[in-house]
N, C-alpha and C. Protein backbone atom coordinates (compact mmCIF):
# COMPACT_ATOMS: atom_id res chain seq x y z
N UNK A 1 27.33 -7.21 -0.70
CA UNK A 1 27.29 -6.08 0.21
C UNK A 1 26.02 -5.88 1.10
N UNK A 2 24.84 -6.47 0.47
CA UNK A 2 23.57 -6.34 1.24
C UNK A 2 23.84 -7.45 2.42
N UNK A 3 24.38 -8.32 1.99
CA UNK A 3 24.38 -9.67 3.17
C UNK A 3 25.32 -9.11 4.29
N UNK A 4 26.64 -8.40 3.85
CA UNK A 4 27.54 -7.91 4.95
C UNK A 4 26.69 -6.90 5.67
N UNK A 5 25.78 -6.32 5.18
CA UNK A 5 25.13 -5.19 5.88
C UNK A 5 24.20 -5.55 6.88
N UNK A 6 23.51 -6.95 6.48
CA UNK A 6 22.46 -7.47 7.41
C UNK A 6 23.19 -8.14 8.58
N UNK A 7 24.30 -8.63 8.08
CA UNK A 7 25.00 -9.45 9.22
C UNK A 7 25.59 -8.36 10.26
N UNK A 8 26.02 -7.33 9.68
CA UNK A 8 26.68 -6.49 10.46
C UNK A 8 25.75 -5.65 11.36
N UNK A 9 24.45 -5.68 11.02
CA UNK A 9 23.44 -4.91 11.73
C UNK A 9 22.27 -5.65 12.05
N UNK A 10 22.37 -6.38 13.24
CA UNK A 10 21.62 -7.32 13.65
C UNK A 10 19.86 -6.51 14.14
N UNK A 11 20.12 -5.24 13.93
CA UNK A 11 18.74 -4.60 14.14
C UNK A 11 17.89 -4.40 12.99
N UNK A 12 18.08 -5.28 11.82
CA UNK A 12 17.17 -5.27 10.81
C UNK A 12 16.27 -6.48 10.77
N UNK A 13 15.16 -6.19 10.35
CA UNK A 13 13.97 -7.16 10.33
C UNK A 13 14.03 -8.09 9.18
N UNK A 14 13.65 -9.17 8.73
CA UNK A 14 13.55 -10.14 7.75
C UNK A 14 12.05 -10.07 7.28
N UNK A 15 11.75 -10.24 5.78
CA UNK A 15 10.56 -10.27 5.14
C UNK A 15 10.55 -11.49 4.45
N UNK A 16 9.39 -12.13 4.09
CA UNK A 16 9.35 -13.58 3.40
C UNK A 16 9.12 -13.12 2.18
N UNK A 17 9.16 -14.35 1.32
CA UNK A 17 8.82 -14.25 -0.35
C UNK A 17 8.62 -15.68 -0.80
N UNK A 18 8.03 -15.87 -2.01
CA UNK A 18 8.03 -17.16 -2.72
C UNK A 18 8.30 -17.01 -4.06
N UNK A 19 8.20 -18.07 -4.98
CA UNK A 19 8.51 -17.93 -6.20
C UNK A 19 7.11 -17.55 -6.70
N UNK A 20 7.03 -16.86 -7.92
CA UNK A 20 5.98 -16.43 -8.75
C UNK A 20 4.80 -17.62 -8.79
N UNK A 21 5.21 -18.71 -9.25
CA UNK A 21 4.50 -19.84 -9.29
C UNK A 21 3.72 -20.23 -8.33
N UNK A 22 4.05 -20.17 -7.17
CA UNK A 22 3.48 -20.75 -5.91
C UNK A 22 1.88 -20.38 -5.72
N UNK A 23 1.20 -21.20 -5.26
CA UNK A 23 -0.15 -20.80 -5.01
C UNK A 23 -0.41 -20.55 -3.70
N UNK A 24 0.55 -20.49 -2.78
CA UNK A 24 0.52 -20.02 -1.46
C UNK A 24 1.78 -19.47 -1.13
N UNK A 25 1.89 -18.66 -0.15
CA UNK A 25 3.30 -18.02 0.39
C UNK A 25 4.12 -18.93 1.12
N UNK A 26 5.45 -18.92 0.55
CA UNK A 26 6.43 -19.72 1.17
C UNK A 26 6.97 -19.21 2.51
N UNK A 27 6.64 -17.82 2.53
CA UNK A 27 7.21 -17.04 3.73
C UNK A 27 5.98 -16.20 4.04
N UNK A 28 6.11 -15.86 5.48
CA UNK A 28 5.05 -15.15 5.94
C UNK A 28 5.71 -13.93 6.62
N UNK A 29 5.54 -12.78 6.34
CA UNK A 29 6.09 -11.45 7.01
C UNK A 29 5.29 -10.97 8.14
N UNK A 30 5.59 -11.19 9.41
CA UNK A 30 4.78 -10.63 10.53
C UNK A 30 5.59 -9.22 11.08
N UNK A 31 4.80 -8.10 10.87
CA UNK A 31 5.36 -7.05 11.23
C UNK A 31 4.57 -6.50 12.40
N UNK A 32 5.44 -6.16 13.47
CA UNK A 32 4.69 -5.71 14.75
C UNK A 32 4.17 -4.45 14.78
N UNK A 33 2.74 -4.47 15.21
CA UNK A 33 1.98 -3.19 14.95
C UNK A 33 1.56 -2.81 16.44
N UNK A 34 2.34 -3.41 17.37
CA UNK A 34 2.20 -2.67 18.69
C UNK A 34 2.57 -1.45 18.97
N UNK A 35 2.10 -0.82 19.95
CA UNK A 35 2.15 0.68 20.24
C UNK A 35 3.78 1.06 20.12
N UNK A 36 4.70 0.33 20.83
CA UNK A 36 6.09 0.82 20.75
C UNK A 36 6.64 0.73 19.43
N UNK A 37 6.51 -0.19 18.85
CA UNK A 37 7.17 -0.57 17.39
C UNK A 37 6.58 0.39 16.37
N UNK A 38 5.22 0.85 16.47
CA UNK A 38 4.61 1.89 15.57
C UNK A 38 5.05 3.27 15.96
N UNK A 39 5.18 3.51 17.14
CA UNK A 39 6.06 4.85 17.69
C UNK A 39 7.51 5.10 17.24
N UNK A 40 8.26 3.76 17.28
CA UNK A 40 9.58 3.94 16.84
C UNK A 40 9.69 4.08 15.55
N UNK A 41 9.00 3.40 14.55
CA UNK A 41 8.90 3.44 13.10
C UNK A 41 8.36 5.15 12.54
N UNK A 42 7.38 5.45 13.51
CA UNK A 42 6.87 6.77 12.94
C UNK A 42 6.21 7.61 13.92
N UNK A 43 6.98 8.10 14.76
CA UNK A 43 6.47 8.93 15.80
C UNK A 43 5.81 10.02 15.69
N UNK A 44 5.85 10.70 14.71
CA UNK A 44 5.21 11.89 14.25
C UNK A 44 4.06 11.73 13.09
N UNK A 45 3.93 10.57 12.82
CA UNK A 45 2.89 10.28 11.98
C UNK A 45 1.88 9.08 12.37
N UNK A 46 0.93 9.26 13.10
CA UNK A 46 0.39 8.30 13.63
C UNK A 46 -0.24 7.25 12.39
N UNK A 47 -0.57 7.80 11.20
CA UNK A 47 -1.12 7.01 10.22
C UNK A 47 -0.04 6.10 9.48
N UNK A 48 1.14 6.66 9.63
CA UNK A 48 2.24 5.69 8.93
C UNK A 48 2.79 4.37 9.61
N UNK A 49 2.92 3.34 8.63
CA UNK A 49 3.21 2.10 9.52
C UNK A 49 4.19 1.30 8.34
N UNK A 50 5.07 0.57 8.98
CA UNK A 50 5.89 -0.33 8.41
C UNK A 50 5.29 -1.21 7.33
N UNK A 51 4.16 -1.62 7.70
CA UNK A 51 3.23 -2.50 6.68
C UNK A 51 2.93 -1.74 5.72
N UNK A 52 2.81 -0.32 5.50
CA UNK A 52 2.48 0.32 4.29
C UNK A 52 3.71 0.51 3.39
N UNK A 53 5.01 0.69 4.08
CA UNK A 53 6.14 0.80 3.44
C UNK A 53 6.51 -0.62 2.79
N UNK A 54 6.21 -1.57 3.27
CA UNK A 54 6.59 -2.89 2.57
C UNK A 54 5.74 -3.11 1.43
N UNK A 55 4.31 -2.81 1.46
CA UNK A 55 3.53 -2.94 0.37
C UNK A 55 3.97 -2.10 -0.75
N UNK A 56 4.47 -0.84 -0.48
CA UNK A 56 4.72 0.09 -1.45
C UNK A 56 5.96 -0.13 -2.21
N UNK A 57 6.57 -1.21 -1.67
CA UNK A 57 7.89 -1.80 -2.64
C UNK A 57 7.49 -2.89 -3.64
N UNK A 58 6.23 -3.08 -3.90
CA UNK A 58 5.83 -4.07 -4.79
C UNK A 58 5.22 -3.33 -6.13
N UNK A 59 5.57 -3.75 -7.18
CA UNK A 59 5.02 -3.05 -8.43
C UNK A 59 3.63 -2.94 -8.68
N UNK A 60 2.96 -3.95 -8.38
CA UNK A 60 1.41 -3.96 -8.47
C UNK A 60 0.56 -3.92 -7.05
N UNK A 61 -0.45 -3.55 -6.90
CA UNK A 61 -1.17 -3.69 -5.62
C UNK A 61 -1.59 -5.17 -5.35
N UNK A 62 -1.59 -5.92 -6.27
CA UNK A 62 -1.79 -7.39 -6.09
C UNK A 62 -0.46 -8.36 -6.54
N UNK A 63 0.64 -7.86 -6.68
CA UNK A 63 1.63 -8.48 -7.26
C UNK A 63 2.18 -9.72 -6.11
N UNK A 64 2.13 -9.31 -4.79
CA UNK A 64 2.54 -10.42 -3.94
C UNK A 64 1.70 -11.16 -3.30
N UNK A 65 0.34 -11.44 -3.79
CA UNK A 65 -0.67 -11.89 -3.38
C UNK A 65 -0.26 -13.34 -3.05
N UNK A 66 0.58 -14.04 -4.16
CA UNK A 66 0.84 -15.42 -4.05
C UNK A 66 2.42 -15.69 -3.74
N UNK A 67 3.04 -14.61 -3.67
CA UNK A 67 4.50 -14.80 -3.48
C UNK A 67 4.95 -14.38 -2.16
N UNK A 68 4.50 -13.37 -1.39
CA UNK A 68 4.84 -12.88 -0.23
C UNK A 68 3.78 -12.37 0.69
N UNK A 69 3.42 -13.00 1.62
CA UNK A 69 2.40 -12.78 2.78
C UNK A 69 2.85 -11.66 3.63
N UNK A 70 2.35 -10.60 3.81
CA UNK A 70 2.65 -9.54 4.55
C UNK A 70 1.51 -9.18 5.46
N UNK A 71 1.79 -9.57 6.76
CA UNK A 71 0.80 -9.38 7.86
C UNK A 71 1.11 -8.47 9.11
N UNK A 72 0.10 -8.03 9.70
CA UNK A 72 0.27 -7.15 10.87
C UNK A 72 0.36 -8.44 12.08
N UNK A 73 1.26 -7.90 13.19
CA UNK A 73 1.42 -8.83 14.16
C UNK A 73 1.23 -8.09 15.30
N UNK A 74 1.01 -8.73 16.49
CA UNK A 74 0.94 -8.33 17.89
C UNK A 74 2.44 -8.26 18.31
N UNK A 75 2.56 -7.82 19.39
CA UNK A 75 3.93 -7.69 20.23
C UNK A 75 4.77 -9.23 20.05
N UNK A 76 6.06 -8.93 19.60
CA UNK A 76 7.04 -9.76 19.24
C UNK A 76 8.12 -9.86 20.35
N UNK A 77 7.87 -9.16 21.60
CA UNK A 77 8.55 -9.39 22.78
C UNK A 77 9.95 -8.72 22.86
N UNK A 78 10.13 -7.91 21.83
CA UNK A 78 11.49 -7.13 21.63
C UNK A 78 11.32 -5.65 21.52
N UNK A 79 10.38 -5.12 22.42
CA UNK A 79 9.86 -3.76 22.53
C UNK A 79 11.04 -2.83 22.27
N UNK A 80 12.08 -3.01 23.26
CA UNK A 80 12.98 -1.87 23.07
C UNK A 80 14.00 -1.87 21.98
N UNK A 81 13.87 -2.72 20.88
CA UNK A 81 14.78 -3.01 19.72
C UNK A 81 13.79 -2.74 18.30
N UNK A 82 12.72 -2.28 18.81
CA UNK A 82 11.75 -2.21 17.44
C UNK A 82 12.19 -0.89 16.57
N UNK A 83 11.50 -0.97 15.43
CA UNK A 83 10.39 -1.60 14.77
C UNK A 83 10.78 -3.17 14.57
N UNK A 84 9.92 -4.34 14.85
CA UNK A 84 10.31 -5.67 14.92
C UNK A 84 9.47 -6.61 13.59
N UNK A 85 10.18 -7.18 13.21
CA UNK A 85 9.49 -8.17 12.01
C UNK A 85 9.86 -9.65 12.19
N UNK A 86 9.01 -10.58 12.28
CA UNK A 86 9.50 -12.07 12.22
C UNK A 86 8.94 -12.53 10.74
N UNK A 87 9.80 -13.34 10.50
CA UNK A 87 9.58 -13.94 9.08
C UNK A 87 9.74 -15.35 9.23
N UNK A 88 8.54 -15.95 8.72
CA UNK A 88 8.11 -17.39 9.00
C UNK A 88 8.48 -18.34 7.77
N UNK A 89 9.00 -19.12 7.53
CA UNK A 89 8.94 -20.18 6.54
C UNK A 89 7.77 -21.08 6.51
N UNK A 90 6.92 -21.02 5.70
CA UNK A 90 5.52 -21.76 5.65
C UNK A 90 6.01 -23.17 5.93
N UNK A 91 6.81 -23.97 5.11
CA UNK A 91 6.97 -25.24 5.01
C UNK A 91 7.56 -25.80 6.17
N UNK A 92 8.58 -25.15 6.87
CA UNK A 92 9.32 -25.76 7.97
C UNK A 92 8.87 -25.06 9.24
N UNK A 93 8.25 -23.94 9.21
CA UNK A 93 7.77 -23.24 10.30
C UNK A 93 9.13 -22.53 11.18
N UNK A 94 10.19 -22.30 10.50
CA UNK A 94 11.35 -21.77 10.90
C UNK A 94 11.10 -20.32 10.95
N UNK A 95 11.34 -19.61 12.11
CA UNK A 95 11.35 -18.29 12.29
C UNK A 95 12.43 -17.45 12.40
N UNK A 96 12.65 -16.20 11.92
CA UNK A 96 13.82 -15.48 11.87
C UNK A 96 13.14 -14.05 12.35
N UNK A 97 13.79 -13.36 13.28
CA UNK A 97 13.42 -12.38 13.91
C UNK A 97 14.52 -11.05 13.74
N UNK A 98 14.15 -10.05 13.11
CA UNK A 98 14.99 -8.98 13.07
C UNK A 98 14.45 -7.62 13.80
N UNK A 99 15.48 -6.98 14.02
CA UNK A 99 15.13 -5.48 14.97
C UNK A 99 15.36 -4.31 14.01
N UNK A 100 14.74 -3.31 14.28
CA UNK A 100 15.12 -1.96 14.09
C UNK A 100 14.96 -1.61 12.69
N UNK A 101 13.88 -2.13 12.03
CA UNK A 101 13.75 -1.69 10.57
C UNK A 101 13.02 -0.27 10.69
N UNK A 102 13.61 0.80 9.99
CA UNK A 102 13.16 2.02 10.19
C UNK A 102 13.06 2.86 8.92
N UNK A 103 13.23 2.22 7.73
CA UNK A 103 13.42 2.89 6.56
C UNK A 103 12.93 2.00 5.40
N UNK A 104 12.58 2.58 4.19
CA UNK A 104 12.24 1.63 3.04
C UNK A 104 13.54 0.85 2.47
N UNK A 105 14.66 1.64 2.65
CA UNK A 105 15.80 0.98 2.12
C UNK A 105 16.29 -0.19 2.91
N UNK A 106 16.03 -0.16 4.29
CA UNK A 106 16.37 -1.31 4.96
C UNK A 106 15.48 -2.65 4.67
N UNK A 107 14.18 -2.01 4.58
CA UNK A 107 13.24 -3.12 4.31
C UNK A 107 13.53 -3.64 2.92
N UNK A 108 13.85 -2.93 2.02
CA UNK A 108 14.21 -3.46 0.91
C UNK A 108 15.35 -4.36 0.63
N UNK A 109 16.37 -4.05 1.52
CA UNK A 109 17.64 -4.91 1.56
C UNK A 109 17.29 -6.35 2.20
N UNK A 110 16.12 -6.30 3.11
CA UNK A 110 15.78 -7.62 3.85
C UNK A 110 15.06 -8.42 2.65
N UNK A 111 14.16 -7.63 2.15
CA UNK A 111 13.28 -8.35 0.99
C UNK A 111 14.36 -9.14 0.07
N UNK A 112 15.30 -8.46 -0.28
CA UNK A 112 16.36 -9.01 -1.30
C UNK A 112 17.17 -10.04 -0.80
N UNK A 113 17.58 -10.19 0.53
CA UNK A 113 18.30 -11.22 1.12
C UNK A 113 17.46 -12.20 1.36
N UNK A 114 16.43 -12.03 1.83
CA UNK A 114 15.77 -13.21 2.75
C UNK A 114 14.51 -13.57 1.86
N UNK A 115 14.05 -12.89 0.85
CA UNK A 115 12.96 -13.36 -0.04
C UNK A 115 13.52 -13.75 -1.52
N UNK A 116 14.58 -13.28 -1.69
CA UNK A 116 15.13 -13.29 -3.26
C UNK A 116 14.13 -12.42 -4.11
N UNK A 117 13.63 -11.24 -3.54
CA UNK A 117 12.95 -10.10 -4.17
C UNK A 117 13.73 -8.81 -4.01
N UNK A 118 14.31 -8.28 -5.34
CA UNK A 118 14.86 -7.08 -5.19
C UNK A 118 14.03 -5.78 -5.63
N UNK A 119 13.38 -5.06 -4.71
CA UNK A 119 12.61 -4.23 -5.14
C UNK A 119 13.17 -3.26 -6.24
N UNK A 120 12.44 -2.60 -7.06
CA UNK A 120 12.71 -1.81 -8.04
C UNK A 120 13.29 -0.39 -7.28
N UNK A 121 14.47 0.10 -7.83
CA UNK A 121 14.97 1.54 -7.24
C UNK A 121 13.78 2.33 -7.02
N UNK A 122 13.21 2.67 -8.18
CA UNK A 122 11.96 3.61 -8.27
C UNK A 122 11.05 3.53 -6.90
N UNK A 123 10.50 2.18 -6.77
CA UNK A 123 9.78 2.06 -5.63
C UNK A 123 10.30 2.26 -4.25
N UNK A 124 11.80 1.81 -4.11
CA UNK A 124 12.26 2.40 -2.92
C UNK A 124 12.32 3.75 -2.73
N UNK A 125 12.54 4.56 -3.70
CA UNK A 125 12.69 5.93 -3.66
C UNK A 125 11.43 6.50 -3.34
N UNK A 126 10.39 6.11 -4.03
CA UNK A 126 8.96 6.30 -3.81
C UNK A 126 8.62 6.03 -2.36
N UNK A 127 8.94 4.88 -1.81
CA UNK A 127 8.42 4.72 -0.34
C UNK A 127 8.99 5.63 0.71
N UNK A 128 10.26 6.07 0.20
CA UNK A 128 11.25 6.86 1.20
C UNK A 128 10.57 8.21 1.03
N UNK A 129 10.20 8.76 -0.04
CA UNK A 129 9.61 10.22 -0.15
C UNK A 129 8.14 10.13 0.48
N UNK A 130 7.48 8.84 0.40
CA UNK A 130 6.26 8.85 0.94
C UNK A 130 6.16 9.02 2.39
N UNK A 131 7.02 8.12 3.23
CA UNK A 131 7.40 8.14 4.56
C UNK A 131 7.84 9.75 4.97
N UNK A 132 8.58 10.46 4.26
CA UNK A 132 8.85 11.65 4.77
C UNK A 132 7.68 12.55 4.53
N UNK A 133 6.78 12.33 3.58
CA UNK A 133 5.72 13.31 3.27
C UNK A 133 4.66 13.20 4.49
N UNK A 134 4.62 11.80 5.24
CA UNK A 134 3.70 11.60 6.33
C UNK A 134 4.14 12.46 7.49
N UNK A 135 5.27 12.57 7.50
CA UNK A 135 5.73 13.52 8.98
C UNK A 135 6.10 14.83 8.65
N UNK A 136 5.85 15.24 7.03
CA UNK A 136 5.90 16.58 6.94
C UNK A 136 5.25 17.58 7.86
N UNK A 137 5.57 18.79 8.08
CA UNK A 137 4.88 19.49 8.89
C UNK A 137 3.77 20.22 8.24
N UNK A 138 3.51 20.60 6.91
CA UNK A 138 2.57 21.24 6.39
C UNK A 138 1.89 20.53 5.05
N UNK A 139 0.80 20.97 4.46
CA UNK A 139 0.26 20.43 3.23
C UNK A 139 1.24 20.63 1.99
N UNK A 140 1.63 22.07 2.09
CA UNK A 140 2.44 22.40 0.79
C UNK A 140 3.77 21.41 0.84
N UNK A 141 4.23 21.31 1.94
CA UNK A 141 5.48 20.24 1.86
C UNK A 141 5.08 18.80 1.45
N UNK A 142 3.98 18.47 2.00
CA UNK A 142 3.60 17.05 1.73
C UNK A 142 3.43 16.81 0.21
N UNK A 143 2.57 17.79 -0.38
CA UNK A 143 2.47 17.95 -1.74
C UNK A 143 3.70 18.02 -2.71
N UNK A 144 4.46 18.67 -2.32
CA UNK A 144 5.93 18.97 -2.85
C UNK A 144 6.68 17.56 -2.85
N UNK A 145 6.65 16.64 -1.86
CA UNK A 145 7.18 15.57 -1.73
C UNK A 145 6.74 14.47 -2.48
N UNK A 146 5.55 14.53 -2.53
CA UNK A 146 4.80 13.18 -3.31
C UNK A 146 4.50 13.54 -4.83
N UNK A 147 4.45 14.90 -5.15
CA UNK A 147 4.27 15.18 -6.63
C UNK A 147 5.34 14.56 -7.56
N UNK A 148 6.62 14.44 -7.27
CA UNK A 148 7.67 13.71 -8.32
C UNK A 148 7.26 12.14 -8.36
N UNK A 149 6.67 11.73 -7.15
CA UNK A 149 6.62 10.24 -7.12
C UNK A 149 5.32 9.95 -7.83
N UNK A 150 4.46 10.86 -7.80
CA UNK A 150 3.22 10.51 -8.69
C UNK A 150 3.71 10.71 -10.15
N UNK A 151 4.28 11.74 -10.56
CA UNK A 151 4.88 11.84 -11.73
C UNK A 151 5.58 10.55 -12.42
N UNK A 152 6.52 10.13 -11.58
CA UNK A 152 7.41 9.02 -11.90
C UNK A 152 6.64 7.79 -12.09
N UNK A 153 5.95 7.44 -11.15
CA UNK A 153 5.10 6.09 -11.18
C UNK A 153 4.19 6.20 -12.22
N UNK A 154 3.54 7.22 -12.42
CA UNK A 154 2.23 7.25 -13.46
C UNK A 154 2.86 6.97 -14.88
N UNK A 155 3.98 7.59 -15.10
CA UNK A 155 4.68 7.31 -16.28
C UNK A 155 5.24 6.14 -16.67
N UNK A 156 5.50 5.24 -15.83
CA UNK A 156 5.74 3.98 -15.92
C UNK A 156 4.72 3.02 -15.71
N UNK A 157 4.46 2.18 -16.80
CA UNK A 157 3.41 1.24 -16.84
C UNK A 157 3.53 0.08 -15.92
N UNK A 158 4.86 -0.12 -15.43
CA UNK A 158 4.92 -1.28 -14.52
C UNK A 158 4.62 -0.80 -13.11
N UNK A 159 4.54 0.38 -12.96
CA UNK A 159 4.17 0.83 -11.62
C UNK A 159 2.99 1.78 -11.61
N UNK A 160 2.23 1.92 -12.56
CA UNK A 160 0.96 2.58 -12.53
C UNK A 160 -0.20 2.13 -12.03
N UNK A 161 -0.04 0.74 -11.50
CA UNK A 161 -1.08 0.49 -10.26
C UNK A 161 -0.77 0.14 -9.09
N UNK A 162 0.44 0.45 -8.77
CA UNK A 162 1.19 0.03 -7.57
C UNK A 162 0.59 0.61 -6.28
N UNK A 163 0.62 0.02 -5.27
CA UNK A 163 0.12 0.51 -3.89
C UNK A 163 1.05 1.87 -3.66
N UNK A 164 2.18 1.96 -3.86
CA UNK A 164 2.90 3.18 -3.65
C UNK A 164 2.55 4.39 -4.59
N UNK A 165 1.78 4.24 -5.66
CA UNK A 165 1.22 5.31 -6.29
C UNK A 165 0.01 5.58 -5.59
N UNK A 166 -0.88 4.66 -5.42
CA UNK A 166 -2.20 4.88 -4.65
C UNK A 166 -1.84 5.68 -3.52
N UNK A 167 -0.84 5.20 -2.63
CA UNK A 167 -0.65 5.91 -1.33
C UNK A 167 -0.05 7.29 -1.45
N UNK A 168 0.76 7.67 -2.50
CA UNK A 168 1.02 8.88 -2.97
C UNK A 168 -0.02 9.93 -3.02
N UNK A 169 -0.84 9.44 -4.06
CA UNK A 169 -2.17 10.07 -4.53
C UNK A 169 -3.04 10.61 -3.36
N UNK A 170 -3.10 9.34 -2.35
CA UNK A 170 -3.82 9.66 -1.27
C UNK A 170 -3.71 10.88 -0.32
N UNK A 171 -2.03 10.79 -0.07
CA UNK A 171 -1.39 11.91 0.62
C UNK A 171 -1.66 13.43 -0.03
N UNK A 172 -1.35 13.17 -1.33
CA UNK A 172 -1.64 14.64 -2.03
C UNK A 172 -3.10 15.06 -2.06
N UNK A 173 -4.04 14.11 -2.04
CA UNK A 173 -5.59 14.54 -2.06
C UNK A 173 -5.80 15.08 -0.79
N UNK A 174 -5.30 14.31 0.28
CA UNK A 174 -5.65 14.84 1.69
C UNK A 174 -5.00 16.13 2.04
N UNK A 175 -3.67 16.26 1.41
CA UNK A 175 -3.05 17.78 1.51
C UNK A 175 -3.90 18.70 0.59
N UNK A 176 -4.44 18.52 -0.39
CA UNK A 176 -5.10 19.44 -1.30
C UNK A 176 -6.44 19.99 -0.61
N UNK A 177 -6.90 19.13 0.45
CA UNK A 177 -8.11 19.46 1.21
C UNK A 177 -7.84 20.38 2.23
N UNK A 178 -6.67 20.27 2.50
CA UNK A 178 -6.03 20.97 3.91
C UNK A 178 -5.69 22.43 3.55
N UNK A 179 -5.17 22.75 2.20
CA UNK A 179 -4.76 24.04 1.94
C UNK A 179 -6.01 25.02 2.03
N UNK A 180 -5.66 26.40 1.95
CA UNK A 180 -6.93 27.16 1.88
C UNK A 180 -6.47 28.35 0.82
N UNK A 181 -7.70 28.40 -0.02
CA UNK A 181 -8.88 27.64 -0.14
C UNK A 181 -8.46 26.11 -0.80
N UNK A 182 -9.44 25.04 0.00
CA UNK A 182 -8.85 23.73 -0.67
C UNK A 182 -9.15 23.41 -2.09
N UNK A 183 -8.46 22.62 -2.73
CA UNK A 183 -8.44 22.21 -4.07
C UNK A 183 -9.44 21.01 -4.05
N UNK A 184 -10.65 21.12 -3.98
CA UNK A 184 -11.48 20.08 -3.93
C UNK A 184 -11.17 19.13 -5.37
N UNK A 185 -11.39 19.92 -6.53
CA UNK A 185 -11.34 18.94 -7.66
C UNK A 185 -10.14 18.21 -7.88
N UNK A 186 -8.97 18.80 -7.17
CA UNK A 186 -7.69 17.95 -7.40
C UNK A 186 -7.82 16.84 -6.39
N UNK A 187 -8.27 17.06 -5.20
CA UNK A 187 -8.56 15.97 -4.26
C UNK A 187 -9.36 14.91 -4.72
N UNK A 188 -10.47 15.26 -5.40
CA UNK A 188 -11.39 14.16 -5.86
C UNK A 188 -10.68 13.38 -6.93
N UNK A 189 -9.88 14.06 -7.75
CA UNK A 189 -9.21 13.41 -8.97
C UNK A 189 -8.35 12.47 -8.29
N UNK A 190 -7.35 12.85 -7.23
CA UNK A 190 -6.45 12.03 -6.70
C UNK A 190 -6.93 10.79 -6.08
N UNK A 191 -8.05 11.06 -5.22
CA UNK A 191 -8.53 9.94 -4.28
C UNK A 191 -9.44 8.81 -5.10
N UNK A 192 -10.05 9.47 -6.50
CA UNK A 192 -10.74 8.61 -7.23
C UNK A 192 -9.45 7.59 -7.74
N UNK A 193 -8.38 8.09 -8.20
CA UNK A 193 -7.35 7.35 -8.88
C UNK A 193 -6.94 6.41 -7.91
N UNK A 194 -6.64 6.78 -6.68
CA UNK A 194 -6.29 6.04 -5.46
C UNK A 194 -7.03 4.72 -5.46
N UNK A 195 -8.21 5.00 -5.22
CA UNK A 195 -9.21 3.95 -4.67
C UNK A 195 -9.45 3.04 -6.11
N UNK A 196 -9.39 3.46 -7.22
CA UNK A 196 -9.39 2.65 -8.29
C UNK A 196 -8.36 1.63 -8.51
N UNK A 197 -7.18 1.88 -8.23
CA UNK A 197 -5.90 1.10 -8.19
C UNK A 197 -5.83 0.31 -7.08
N UNK A 198 -6.40 0.82 -6.04
CA UNK A 198 -6.07 -0.15 -4.59
C UNK A 198 -7.46 0.07 -3.93
N UNK A 199 -8.54 -0.69 -4.31
CA UNK A 199 -9.65 -0.69 -3.55
C UNK A 199 -9.55 -0.81 -2.05
N UNK A 200 -8.67 -1.50 -1.50
CA UNK A 200 -8.35 -1.75 0.00
C UNK A 200 -7.53 -0.57 0.60
N UNK A 201 -7.24 0.62 -0.04
CA UNK A 201 -6.97 1.62 0.56
C UNK A 201 -7.99 2.44 1.18
N UNK A 202 -8.21 2.19 2.63
CA UNK A 202 -9.05 2.74 3.33
C UNK A 202 -9.17 4.07 3.50
N UNK A 203 -7.81 4.71 3.78
CA UNK A 203 -7.54 6.09 3.77
C UNK A 203 -7.93 6.83 2.56
N UNK A 204 -7.67 6.23 1.43
CA UNK A 204 -8.04 7.03 0.09
C UNK A 204 -9.61 7.08 0.12
N UNK A 205 -10.28 6.01 0.60
CA UNK A 205 -11.87 6.14 0.49
C UNK A 205 -12.29 7.14 1.58
N UNK A 206 -11.76 7.38 2.65
CA UNK A 206 -12.02 8.38 3.63
C UNK A 206 -11.69 9.88 3.04
N UNK A 207 -10.73 10.04 2.31
CA UNK A 207 -10.28 11.24 1.92
C UNK A 207 -11.41 11.52 0.64
N UNK A 208 -11.62 10.49 -0.05
CA UNK A 208 -12.65 10.75 -1.09
C UNK A 208 -14.01 11.16 -0.52
N UNK A 209 -14.34 10.44 0.67
CA UNK A 209 -15.61 10.99 1.21
C UNK A 209 -15.54 12.28 1.54
N UNK A 210 -14.48 12.89 2.22
CA UNK A 210 -14.20 14.04 2.52
C UNK A 210 -14.47 15.11 1.53
N UNK A 211 -13.83 14.63 0.43
CA UNK A 211 -13.73 15.68 -0.86
C UNK A 211 -15.23 15.78 -1.28
N UNK A 212 -15.75 14.72 -1.30
CA UNK A 212 -17.33 14.85 -1.90
C UNK A 212 -18.15 15.47 -1.20
């Protein structure tokens, strides 16, 4: 079903992956971050990116270090069809270019077909909610969207250190600072958890600094 979907929809991008025993990635996923692709993916959320969505589909913040390399890329010369992604096979150098990846479910289908990695349903749903929270108009709506994500992922030890959870906590921390009066204690707790599980989460560090 997924294969048929990909064949019928040439607007989908490919991602790369390797076996867990590999010391270096067999595939490199290059995600265009030029302005046109960024706008097409998240026109109302400047901080949102397809790179974040892909990372959110992995159980641990470091799980894909040796299996799937995810990189930001410059323009892939298909601006009118974006968001665009190029998957490179490390051994052969063969490239596959796909277009129009605009959702977590689409990205997950590509990972499944092209990388032999089937993202957990919980993480697909989480990434989708997180994307919606990023374009939500108000802080209350943002918090209501990510609250069930945080509860669900926190209660599952397989996802308790995931980037998705760190991402969701960061959004809620930011939202808690934006309400009146601000929930500073809640924002501090969330941002500290987010930075502890993903020290590379720059936005979480910024929110933590604001809360302190």
